[in-house]
C-alpha atoms as a PDB file:
ATOM      1  CA  MET A   1     -53.313  13.441 -37.683  1.00  0.00           C
ATOM      2  CA  GLY A   2     -52.446  15.553 -40.726  1.00  0.00           C
ATOM      3  CA  ARG A   3     -49.038  16.875 -41.571  1.00  0.00           C
ATOM      4  CA  PHE A   4     -49.957  20.365 -40.453  1.00  0.00           C
ATOM      5  CA  GLU A   5     -51.233  19.103 -37.084  1.00  0.00           C
ATOM      6  CA  ASP A   6     -48.123  16.957 -36.638  1.00  0.00           C
ATOM      7  CA  PHE A   7     -45.925  19.975 -37.345  1.00  0.00           C
ATOM      8  CA  GLY A   8     -47.904  22.059 -34.849  1.00  0.00           C
ATOM      9  CA  LYS A   9     -47.572  19.336 -32.225  1.00  0.00           C
ATOM     10  CA  ARG A  10     -43.798  19.196 -32.703  1.00  0.00           C
ATOM     11  CA  ILE A  11     -43.573  22.977 -32.305  1.00  0.00           C
ATOM     12  CA  ASP A  12     -45.705  22.818 -29.170  1.00  0.00           C
ATOM     13  CA  ASP A  13     -43.503  20.012 -27.774  1.00  0.00           C
ATOM     14  CA  GLY A  14     -40.363  22.030 -28.553  1.00  0.00           C
ATOM     15  CA  LEU A  15     -41.756  25.128 -26.881  1.00  0.00           C
ATOM     16  CA  ALA A  16     -42.816  23.093 -23.871  1.00  0.00           C
ATOM     17  CA  ARG A  17     -39.244  21.745 -23.576  1.00  0.00           C
ATOM     18  CA  LEU A  18     -37.861  25.273 -23.740  1.00  0.00           C
ATOM     19  CA  LYS A  19     -40.281  26.428 -21.070  1.00  0.00           C
ATOM     20  CA  ARG A  20     -39.304  23.502 -18.847  1.00  0.00           C
ATOM     21  CA  MET A  21     -35.649  24.300 -19.407  1.00  0.00           C
ATOM     22  CA  LYS A  22     -36.154  27.861 -18.144  1.00  0.00           C
ATOM     23  CA  ASN A  23     -38.038  26.531 -15.148  1.00  0.00           C
ATOM     24  CA  PHE A  24     -35.328  23.939 -14.595  1.00  0.00           C
ATOM     25  CA  GLU A  25     -32.663  26.650 -14.691  1.00  0.00           C
ATOM     26  CA  ALA A  26     -34.649  28.763 -12.253  1.00  0.00           C
ATOM     27  CA  PHE A  27     -35.111  25.703 -10.070  1.00  0.00           C
ATOM     28  CA  GLY A  28     -31.360  25.015 -10.206  1.00  0.00           C
ATOM     29  CA  LYS A  29     -30.539  28.601  -9.274  1.00  0.00           C
ATOM     30  CA  ARG A  30     -33.003  28.451  -6.399  1.00  0.00           C
ATOM     31  CA  VAL A  31     -31.475  25.188  -5.173  1.00  0.00           C
ATOM     32  CA  ASP A  32     -28.011  26.767  -5.296  1.00  0.00           C
ATOM     33  CA  GLU A  33     -29.248  29.771  -3.302  1.00  0.00           C
ATOM     34  CA  GLU A  34     -30.911  27.567  -0.705  1.00  0.00           C
ATOM     35  CA  LEU A  35     -27.815  25.368  -0.375  1.00  0.00           C
ATOM     36  CA  GLU A  36     -25.684  28.458   0.176  1.00  0.00           C
ATOM     37  CA  ARG A  37     -28.151  29.699   2.799  1.00  0.00           C
ATOM     38  CA  LEU A  38     -28.090  26.303   4.492  1.00  0.00           C
ATOM     39  CA  LYS A  39     -24.286  26.253   4.445  1.00  0.00           C
ATOM     40  CA  THR A  40     -24.190  29.704   6.058  1.00  0.00           C
ATOM     41  CA  PHE A  41     -26.719  28.648   8.689  1.00  0.00           C
ATOM     42  CA  MET A  42     -24.730  25.514   9.489  1.00  0.00           C
ATOM     43  CA  THR A  43     -21.374  27.275   9.783  1.00  0.00           C
ATOM     44  CA  GLU A  44     -22.595  30.359  11.631  1.00  0.00           C
ATOM     45  CA  ASP A  45     -25.404  29.021  13.822  1.00  0.00           C
ATOM     46  CA  VAL A  46     -25.308  25.258  14.177  1.00  0.00           C
ATOM     47  CA  ALA A  47     -21.567  24.552  14.251  1.00  0.00           C
ATOM     48  CA  PRO A  48     -20.647  26.915  17.121  1.00  0.00           C
ATOM     49  CA  GLU A  49     -23.457  25.622  19.337  1.00  0.00           C
ATOM     50  CA  THR A  50     -22.604  22.029  18.444  1.00  0.00           C
ATOM     51  CA  GLU A  51     -18.938  22.627  19.264  1.00  0.00           C
ATOM     52  CA  ARG A  52     -19.838  24.227  22.600  1.00  0.00           C
ATOM     53  CA  ARG A  53     -22.088  21.333  23.536  1.00  0.00           C
ATOM     54  CA  THR A  54     -19.525  18.771  22.380  1.00  0.00           C
ATOM     55  CA  ALA A  55     -16.807  20.405  24.499  1.00  0.00           C
ATOM     56  CA  GLN A  56     -19.095  20.353  27.550  1.00  0.00           C
ATOM     57  CA  PHE A  57     -20.010  16.718  26.884  1.00  0.00           C
ATOM     58  CA  LEU A  58     -16.334  15.741  26.600  1.00  0.00           C
ATOM     59  CA  ARG A  59     -15.571  17.485  29.912  1.00  0.00           C
ATOM     60  CA  GLU A  60     -18.392  15.605  31.613  1.00  0.00           C
ATOM     61  CA  VAL A  61     -17.313  12.285  30.100  1.00  0.00           C
ATOM     62  CA  SER A  62     -13.718  12.951  31.106  1.00  0.00           C
ATOM     63  CA  GLU A  63     -14.847  13.534  34.682  1.00  0.00           C
ATOM     64  CA  LYS A  64     -16.851  10.287  34.653  1.00  0.00           C
ATOM     65  CA  PHE A  65     -13.842   8.393  33.270  1.00  0.00           C
ATOM     66  CA  GLY A  66     -11.741   9.806  36.110  1.00  0.00           C
ATOM     67  CA  GLU A  67     -14.334   8.635  38.635  1.00  0.00           C
ATOM     68  CA  ALA A  68     -14.449   5.189  37.019  1.00  0.00           C
ATOM     69  CA  ALA A  69     -10.647   4.944  37.083  1.00  0.00           C
ATOM     70  CA  ASN A  70     -10.613   5.868  40.797  1.00  0.00           C
ATOM     71  CA  TRP A  71     -13.300   3.249  41.498  1.00  0.00           C
ATOM     72  CA  LEU A  72     -11.307   0.573  39.684  1.00  0.00           C
ATOM     73  CA  GLU A  73      -8.111   1.513  41.528  1.00  0.00           C
ATOM     74  CA  GLN A  74      -9.892   1.382  44.891  1.00  0.00           C
ATOM     75  CA  ARG A  75     -11.426  -1.975  44.012  1.00  0.00           C
ATOM     76  CA  ASN A  76      -8.059  -3.333  42.944  1.00  0.00           C
ATOM     77  CA  ALA A  77      -6.407  -1.971  46.098  1.00  0.00           C
ATOM     78  CA  ALA A  78      -9.113  -3.597  48.264  1.00  0.00           C
ATOM     79  CA  ARG A  79      -8.648  -6.895  46.428  1.00  0.00           C
ATOM     80  CA  ASN A  80      -4.857  -6.752  46.898  1.00  0.00           C
ATOM     81  CA  SER A  81      -5.326  -5.865  50.563  1.00  0.00           C
ATOM     82  CA  GLN A  82      -7.611  -8.870  51.010  1.00  0.00           C
ATOM     83  CA  LYS A  83      -5.073 -11.165  49.312  1.00  0.00           C
ATOM     84  CA  THR A  84      -2.327  -9.876  51.632  1.00  0.00           C
ATOM     85  CA  GLN A  85      -4.466 -10.476  54.700  1.00  0.00           C
ATOM     86  CA  ASP A  86      -5.386 -13.979  53.511  1.00  0.00           C
ATOM     87  CA  SER A  87      -1.740 -14.867  52.904  1.00  0.00           C
ATOM     88  CA  ARG A  88      -0.797 -13.802  56.473  1.00  0.00           C
ATOM     89  CA  LYS A  89      -3.305 -16.152  58.066  1.00  0.00           C
ATOM     90  CA  PRO A  90      -1.768 -19.377  59.458  1.00  0.00           C
END
């Protein structure tokens, strides 16, 4: 390649880098805009619904834990009652 062609290639490479830089900046700005839109969507749409569902889930789980605790207490009471009856037998 001659000196003139080499010079032309370097200019073309430099211009291509500049063009990519502009595209990269535009890409970066677009990413920032999309991240902001996603953040807004998450805080305004997803989070409230998630919190509502989580609260409902915790209420249901709490109720089930209460039922499980009652079952365990009844089982323990029945076991203690059986032990008392067995100890009274001659």
